[in-house]
Amino acid sequence: MNGLTLSPSLGWVGGGILASVLVILAISIPIAHHRTRGHTDAGTLSMVRRTAMVLVLALMVLTPSSVSQTTNRAVNATDVYIAVDVTGSMSVKDAAYGDHTGISRLEAARLAVADLTSAYPDASFAALRFGASGTLDLPLTPDDRAVGNWARGLRTEPTSQSTGSNLDAPLDQLVLSMKETREHHPDDRILLYLITDGEQTSNHSRRSFSALRAYLDDAFVLGTGSSEGGRIPVSPDSLGTDEENPPTEADQWVNDPQTGQPGISVMDEKNLKALADEMSGSYEHLGQGRTLDSGNTAKASKRYRVTTVTKTRQHVTPLVWPLTLVEAALLIWELADWIRTSRRLL
């Protein structure tokens, strides 16, 4: 639907003031002509022409414009952020996933990531690991094979580099990346899957994840591990061994500094539920007989499909050029009349 409107290029305040001054000037011209009638060579036609010139200028200041509506089809894609905890406690073998039991917490996270890429076949994925700090390893990509390779290559951070588990380690990187995604793809849906055991052993107070709500459409906290817990194997600096190779009696365990005995790491479900609540999301425990093929993720994967949305937008196009032609014609007429009058007076 098309129409006409006024859209002052100087804004309604500046344009309105200037247009009002010009209208007052236009009104004063016939008043002045009436008062000086008989004492000037200007006739009624000159008065009408000059008044018209000022009124046309006032209308140009108000910028008449045409309004047209266009219909665009916007694709609402889904962007899935996956953040996986790689602190030393993720190597504890007290986790389960579906029919996989007695596996490390990190292995359960790998299996969950594989199911995520299958659950969102048309989505783009971003992958982030966090330990002492958060690292965006994989920016948004539709290549689910790249996400699978990233998950298979995950290793717990070396014990020598560990400074304690700090659950807010990925927060800054997530805020930065999601903000950029929201700015560049405002029609996309952004989801977050945070996979961790929920342990917070750092001396620093954990920051709230509520800052992510400005960018998220949904969030899922996936807890891995058990309430019984288990001993934490020492993660070496090299890749010679990892959580796939259980430690022998000769291997070392991470000791509790207070007792000097091997420490026990336990999944903290209270922290996990708090994280989900801060993001207005949901919490799921990765356990025996349970996978992401059922539950909240299965429902979300059907809800956040690629969809096409029709949107109507208005475009305003200034129509000053016809008034410019009228003003130019009046000026030419005024100039011609002035030249004619000047020659007559010589």
Protein backbone atom coordinates (compact mmCIF):
# COMPACT_ATOMS: atom_id res chain seq x y z
CA MET A 1 0.00 0.00 0.00
CA ASN A 2 1.40 3.40 -1.04
CA GLY A 3 0.66 6.83 0.44
CA LEU A 4 1.98 10.33 1.08
CA THR A 5 3.43 11.74 4.27
CA LEU A 6 5.66 14.53 5.56
CA SER A 7 9.16 13.57 6.68
CA PRO A 8 11.26 16.71 7.42
CA SER A 9 14.93 16.12 6.65
CA LEU A 10 15.80 18.52 9.49
CA GLY A 11 13.53 16.66 11.90
CA TRP A 12 10.14 17.75 13.10
CA VAL A 13 11.58 20.30 15.55
CA GLY A 14 14.03 22.04 13.21
CA GLY A 15 11.88 21.57 10.12
CA GLY A 16 8.73 22.69 11.93
CA ILE A 17 10.33 25.90 13.20
CA LEU A 18 11.77 26.82 9.78
CA ALA A 19 8.50 26.01 7.99
CA SER A 20 6.56 28.14 10.52
CA VAL A 21 8.88 31.12 9.89
CA LEU A 22 8.35 30.77 6.13
CA VAL A 23 4.57 30.55 6.54
CA ILE A 24 4.58 33.72 8.67
CA LEU A 25 6.66 35.42 5.97
CA ALA A 26 4.19 34.27 3.31
CA ILE A 27 1.31 35.78 5.29
CA SER A 28 3.16 39.05 5.73
CA ILE A 29 3.66 39.54 1.96
CA PRO A 30 -0.01 40.22 1.08
CA ILE A 31 -0.37 42.31 4.26
CA ALA A 32 2.59 44.46 3.25
CA HIS A 33 1.27 44.68 -0.32
CA HIS A 34 -2.08 45.93 0.93
CA ARG A 35 -0.45 48.62 3.08
CA THR A 36 1.82 49.91 0.29
CA ARG A 37 -0.73 49.70 -2.49
CA GLY A 38 -0.44 52.77 -4.70
CA HIS A 39 3.14 53.45 -3.60
CA THR A 40 4.84 50.57 -5.44
CA ASP A 41 5.09 49.17 -8.95
CA ALA A 42 4.40 45.62 -7.74
CA GLY A 43 0.98 44.40 -8.78
CA THR A 44 -1.33 41.77 -7.35
CA LEU A 45 0.14 39.09 -9.60
CA SER A 46 3.65 39.78 -8.24
CA MET A 47 2.34 39.54 -4.71
CA VAL A 48 0.66 36.19 -5.42
CA ARG A 49 3.81 34.86 -7.12
CA ARG A 50 6.11 35.83 -4.25
CA THR A 51 3.72 34.40 -1.68
CA ALA A 52 3.63 31.15 -3.66
CA MET A 53 7.45 31.03 -3.76
CA VAL A 54 7.68 31.24 0.03
CA LEU A 55 4.90 28.66 0.57
CA VAL A 56 6.59 26.22 -1.81
CA LEU A 57 9.83 26.65 0.17
CA ALA A 58 7.95 25.92 3.41
CA LEU A 59 6.52 22.75 1.87
CA MET A 60 9.99 21.69 0.66
CA VAL A 61 11.32 22.08 4.23
CA LEU A 62 8.61 19.68 5.45
CA THR A 63 9.81 17.21 2.77
CA PRO A 64 6.75 15.52 1.23
CA SER A 65 7.48 11.81 0.80
CA SER A 66 5.87 8.73 -0.61
CA VAL A 67 5.44 5.68 1.63
CA SER A 68 5.67 2.25 0.07
CA GLN A 69 5.51 -1.15 1.71
CA THR A 70 7.70 -4.07 0.74
CA THR A 71 7.43 -7.66 1.85
CA ASN A 72 10.64 -9.50 2.69
CA ARG A 73 11.10 -13.16 3.49
CA ALA A 74 13.55 -13.61 6.36
CA VAL A 75 15.12 -16.98 7.17
CA ASN A 76 15.17 -17.73 10.89
CA ALA A 77 18.14 -20.05 11.29
CA THR A 78 19.30 -21.71 14.50
CA ASP A 79 22.75 -21.08 15.97
CA VAL A 80 23.80 -23.62 18.62
CA TYR A 81 26.63 -22.72 21.01
CA ILE A 82 28.26 -25.68 22.75
CA ALA A 83 30.47 -25.04 25.79
CA VAL A 84 32.26 -28.03 27.33
CA ASP A 85 34.07 -28.13 30.68
CA VAL A 86 37.63 -29.50 30.34
CA THR A 87 38.82 -29.08 33.90
CA GLY A 88 40.60 -32.03 35.52
CA SER A 89 37.46 -33.29 37.25
CA MET A 90 35.95 -34.09 33.83
CA SER A 91 38.32 -37.07 33.59
CA VAL A 92 36.63 -38.80 36.55
CA LYS A 93 35.08 -42.09 35.39
CA ASP A 94 31.74 -41.93 37.17
CA ALA A 95 29.60 -40.85 34.21
CA ALA A 96 27.09 -42.62 31.99
CA TYR A 97 25.30 -41.80 28.76
CA GLY A 98 22.62 -44.05 27.34
CA ASP A 99 24.03 -47.57 27.38
CA HIS A 100 27.57 -46.29 28.00
CA THR A 101 28.45 -46.68 31.68
CA GLY A 102 31.60 -46.20 33.70
CA ILE A 103 32.94 -43.63 31.25
CA SER A 104 34.63 -40.33 31.96
CA ARG A 105 32.56 -37.21 32.25
CA LEU A 106 34.31 -35.80 29.20
CA GLU A 107 33.48 -38.90 27.15
CA ALA A 108 29.82 -38.46 28.09
CA ALA A 109 30.12 -34.85 26.88
CA ARG A 110 31.56 -36.07 23.56
CA LEU A 111 28.64 -38.44 23.06
CA ALA A 112 26.19 -35.64 23.86
CA VAL A 113 27.84 -33.34 21.30
CA ALA A 114 27.48 -36.04 18.64
CA ASP A 115 23.75 -36.27 19.36
CA LEU A 116 23.42 -32.48 19.30
CA THR A 117 24.71 -32.22 15.74
CA SER A 118 22.18 -34.89 14.73
CA ALA A 119 19.32 -33.18 16.56
CA TYR A 120 19.89 -29.87 14.71
CA PRO A 121 20.65 -30.93 11.12
CA ASP A 122 20.16 -27.45 9.62
CA ALA A 123 21.84 -25.42 12.37
CA SER A 124 25.17 -23.66 12.63
CA PHE A 125 27.41 -24.56 15.56
CA ALA A 126 29.99 -22.74 17.64
CA ALA A 127 32.22 -24.77 19.98
CA LEU A 128 33.91 -23.51 23.13
CA ARG A 129 35.93 -25.29 25.82
CA PHE A 130 36.64 -23.86 29.23
CA GLY A 131 38.98 -24.65 32.07
CA ALA A 132 41.26 -22.02 33.48
CA SER A 133 39.77 -19.77 30.78
CA GLY A 134 37.23 -19.95 27.98
CA THR A 135 38.41 -20.52 24.39
CA LEU A 136 36.25 -20.30 21.26
CA ASP A 137 37.77 -23.13 19.23
CA LEU A 138 35.16 -23.15 16.47
CA PRO A 139 33.26 -20.04 15.31
CA LEU A 140 29.77 -20.50 13.92
CA THR A 141 29.81 -23.03 11.08
CA PRO A 142 27.20 -25.28 9.43
CA ASP A 143 29.83 -28.03 9.15
CA ASP A 144 28.73 -30.61 11.73
CA ARG A 145 31.76 -32.78 10.89
CA ALA A 146 34.03 -30.01 12.16
CA VAL A 147 32.09 -30.04 15.43
CA GLY A 148 32.48 -33.83 15.67
CA ASN A 149 36.23 -33.58 15.11
CA TRP A 150 36.46 -30.87 17.73
CA ALA A 151 34.61 -33.00 20.29
CA ARG A 152 36.77 -36.06 19.63
CA GLY A 153 39.88 -33.95 20.17
CA LEU A 154 38.84 -32.60 23.56
CA ARG A 155 41.23 -33.34 26.42
CA THR A 156 41.18 -32.24 30.04
CA GLU A 157 43.58 -29.43 30.82
CA PRO A 158 46.90 -30.46 32.42
CA THR A 159 46.82 -30.61 36.19
CA SER A 160 49.92 -28.38 36.33
CA GLN A 161 47.93 -25.58 34.62
CA SER A 162 44.79 -25.97 36.69
CA THR A 163 43.82 -23.14 39.02
CA GLY A 164 40.62 -24.75 40.27
CA SER A 165 37.23 -25.07 38.63
CA ASN A 166 35.58 -21.75 37.87
CA LEU A 167 32.20 -22.18 36.19
CA ASP A 168 32.08 -18.62 34.82
CA ALA A 169 35.28 -19.08 32.79
CA PRO A 170 33.39 -19.19 29.45
CA LEU A 171 31.08 -16.29 30.28
CA ASP A 172 33.05 -13.41 28.70
CA GLN A 173 33.68 -15.28 25.47
CA LEU A 174 30.04 -16.36 25.23
CA VAL A 175 28.75 -12.82 25.74
CA LEU A 176 31.14 -11.43 23.11
CA SER A 177 30.35 -14.09 20.51
CA MET A 178 26.58 -14.14 21.04
CA LYS A 179 26.36 -10.35 20.93
CA GLU A 180 28.13 -10.36 17.57
CA THR A 181 25.83 -13.10 16.27
CA ARG A 182 22.73 -11.21 17.40
CA GLU A 183 23.92 -8.00 15.71
CA HIS A 184 24.78 -9.67 12.39
CA HIS A 185 21.89 -12.17 12.33
CA PRO A 186 19.00 -10.57 14.24
CA ASP A 187 16.47 -13.10 12.91
CA ASP A 188 18.42 -16.16 14.09
CA ARG A 189 17.58 -18.21 17.17
CA ILE A 190 20.53 -18.65 19.52
CA LEU A 191 20.74 -21.71 21.79
CA LEU A 192 23.38 -22.65 24.36
CA TYR A 193 24.35 -26.11 25.59
CA LEU A 194 26.63 -25.94 28.62
CA ILE A 195 28.12 -29.33 29.55
CA THR A 196 29.86 -29.55 32.92
CA ASP A 197 29.95 -31.40 36.23
CA GLY A 198 29.03 -28.19 38.06
CA GLU A 199 32.06 -28.15 40.37
CA GLN A 200 33.18 -24.74 41.60
CA THR A 201 36.48 -25.09 43.49
CA SER A 202 38.02 -21.71 42.72
CA ASN A 203 38.37 -19.14 45.50
CA HIS A 204 36.69 -16.53 43.28
CA SER A 205 32.97 -15.93 43.50
CA ARG A 206 31.11 -17.14 40.44
CA ARG A 207 29.49 -14.49 38.24
CA SER A 208 25.90 -14.92 37.15
CA PHE A 209 25.07 -16.21 33.66
CA SER A 210 22.01 -13.95 33.53
CA ALA A 211 23.93 -11.60 31.20
CA LEU A 212 23.39 -14.16 28.42
CA ARG A 213 19.61 -13.84 28.52
CA ALA A 214 19.80 -10.72 26.32
CA TYR A 215 21.04 -12.88 23.44
CA LEU A 216 19.65 -16.37 24.10
CA ASP A 217 16.40 -17.87 22.89
CA ASP A 218 16.95 -20.98 25.02
CA ALA A 219 19.62 -22.57 27.19
CA PHE A 220 20.33 -26.12 28.37
CA VAL A 221 22.69 -27.12 31.15
CA LEU A 222 23.80 -30.74 30.83
CA GLY A 223 25.23 -32.24 33.98
CA THR A 224 27.68 -35.12 33.79
CA GLY A 225 29.04 -37.24 36.63
CA SER A 226 27.43 -38.70 39.73
CA SER A 227 26.60 -37.79 43.30
CA GLU A 228 28.98 -40.54 44.50
CA GLY A 229 31.89 -38.98 42.59
CA GLY A 230 35.32 -40.46 42.04
CA ARG A 231 39.05 -39.85 42.21
CA ILE A 232 40.63 -37.37 39.80
CA PRO A 233 43.56 -38.71 37.77
CA VAL A 234 46.49 -36.39 37.19
CA SER A 235 46.26 -34.97 33.66
CA PRO A 236 49.75 -34.89 32.11
CA ASP A 237 51.16 -31.95 30.17
CA SER A 238 51.66 -34.19 27.12
CA LEU A 239 49.02 -36.13 25.19
CA GLY A 240 50.59 -39.46 26.06
CA THR A 241 47.74 -40.42 28.36
CA ASP A 242 44.31 -39.03 29.00
CA GLU A 243 41.02 -39.97 30.57
CA GLU A 244 40.61 -42.82 28.07
CA ASN A 245 43.45 -44.71 29.82
CA PRO A 246 42.59 -45.32 33.47
CA PRO A 247 45.45 -44.80 35.91
CA THR A 248 47.18 -47.81 37.42
CA GLU A 249 48.43 -48.12 40.98
CA ALA A 250 51.68 -46.52 39.84
CA ASP A 251 49.88 -43.49 38.41
CA GLN A 252 49.12 -40.44 40.45
CA TRP A 253 45.80 -39.04 41.58
CA VAL A 254 45.05 -35.44 42.40
CA ASN A 255 45.35 -35.15 46.18
CA ASP A 256 43.19 -33.14 48.53
CA PRO A 257 45.56 -30.46 49.98
CA GLN A 258 43.86 -30.73 53.39
CA THR A 259 44.09 -34.50 53.84
CA GLY A 260 46.93 -35.40 51.47
CA GLN A 261 44.75 -38.25 50.17
CA PRO A 262 43.29 -38.58 46.65
CA GLY A 263 40.49 -36.05 46.36
CA ILE A 264 36.95 -37.02 45.44
CA SER A 265 35.13 -35.01 42.79
CA VAL A 266 31.32 -34.99 42.96
CA MET A 267 28.87 -33.58 40.46
CA ASP A 268 27.27 -30.46 41.97
CA GLU A 269 23.63 -30.57 40.89
CA LYS A 270 22.80 -27.46 42.90
CA ASN A 271 25.19 -25.35 40.82
CA LEU A 272 23.92 -26.92 37.61
CA LYS A 273 20.31 -26.04 38.38
CA ALA A 274 21.36 -22.51 39.40
CA LEU A 275 23.12 -22.01 36.05
CA ALA A 276 20.00 -23.10 34.16
CA ASP A 277 17.80 -20.83 36.25
CA GLU A 278 20.04 -17.79 35.65
CA MET A 279 19.68 -18.23 31.88
CA SER A 280 15.95 -19.05 32.09
CA GLY A 281 16.85 -22.45 30.66
CA SER A 282 16.52 -26.06 31.70
CA TYR A 283 18.75 -28.64 33.36
CA GLU A 284 19.26 -32.25 32.29
CA HIS A 285 21.44 -34.94 33.80
CA LEU A 286 23.37 -37.12 31.37
CA GLY A 287 22.89 -40.55 32.91
CA GLN A 288 22.41 -44.24 32.22
CA GLY A 289 19.56 -44.96 29.85
CA ARG A 290 19.16 -41.28 29.00
CA THR A 291 20.33 -39.45 25.89
CA LEU A 292 19.53 -36.16 24.19
CA ASP A 293 17.24 -37.98 21.77
CA SER A 294 14.52 -37.59 24.38
CA GLY A 295 13.53 -34.89 26.81
CA ASN A 296 13.93 -31.13 26.45
CA THR A 297 16.49 -31.25 23.65
CA ALA A 298 14.30 -33.44 21.47
CA LYS A 299 11.41 -30.98 21.89
CA ALA A 300 13.62 -27.97 21.25
CA SER A 301 15.15 -29.45 18.10
CA LYS A 302 11.67 -29.65 16.61
CA ARG A 303 10.71 -26.18 17.78
CA TYR A 304 13.86 -24.41 16.55
CA ARG A 305 13.86 -25.48 12.93
CA VAL A 306 14.85 -23.30 10.01
CA THR A 307 11.73 -21.30 9.15
CA THR A 308 10.86 -18.55 6.71
CA VAL A 309 9.05 -15.53 8.11
CA THR A 310 7.33 -12.88 5.97
CA LYS A 311 7.98 -9.36 7.21
CA THR A 312 6.50 -6.08 5.95
CA ARG A 313 8.71 -3.00 5.96
CA GLN A 314 7.94 0.62 5.04
CA HIS A 315 10.18 2.69 2.78
CA VAL A 316 9.94 6.49 2.75
CA THR A 317 11.07 8.23 -0.46
CA PRO A 318 11.35 12.07 -0.50
CA LEU A 319 9.38 13.81 -3.29
CA VAL A 320 11.05 17.22 -3.31
CA TRP A 321 11.96 17.33 -7.00
CA PRO A 322 8.45 18.34 -8.27
CA LEU A 323 8.45 21.25 -5.81
CA THR A 324 11.96 22.17 -6.97
CA LEU A 325 10.67 22.47 -10.54
CA VAL A 326 7.77 24.65 -9.39
CA GLU A 327 10.12 26.86 -7.35
CA ALA A 328 12.51 27.18 -10.27
CA ALA A 329 9.65 28.21 -12.60
CA LEU A 330 8.48 30.87 -10.12
CA LEU A 331 12.05 32.23 -9.77
CA ILE A 332 12.42 32.45 -13.55
CA TRP A 333 9.09 34.26 -13.74
CA GLU A 334 10.20 36.64 -10.98
CA LEU A 335 13.50 37.32 -12.76
CA ALA A 336 11.76 37.98 -16.07
CA ASP A 337 9.30 40.35 -14.39
CA TRP A 338 12.16 42.20 -12.68
CA ILE A 339 14.05 42.61 -15.98
CA ARG A 340 10.89 43.88 -17.72
CA THR A 341 10.18 46.38 -14.93
CA SER A 342 13.80 47.58 -14.84
CA ARG A 343 13.81 48.31 -18.60
CA ARG A 344 10.54 50.21 -18.35
CA LEU A 345 11.94 52.43 -15.60
CA LEU A 346 15.10 53.32 -17.56
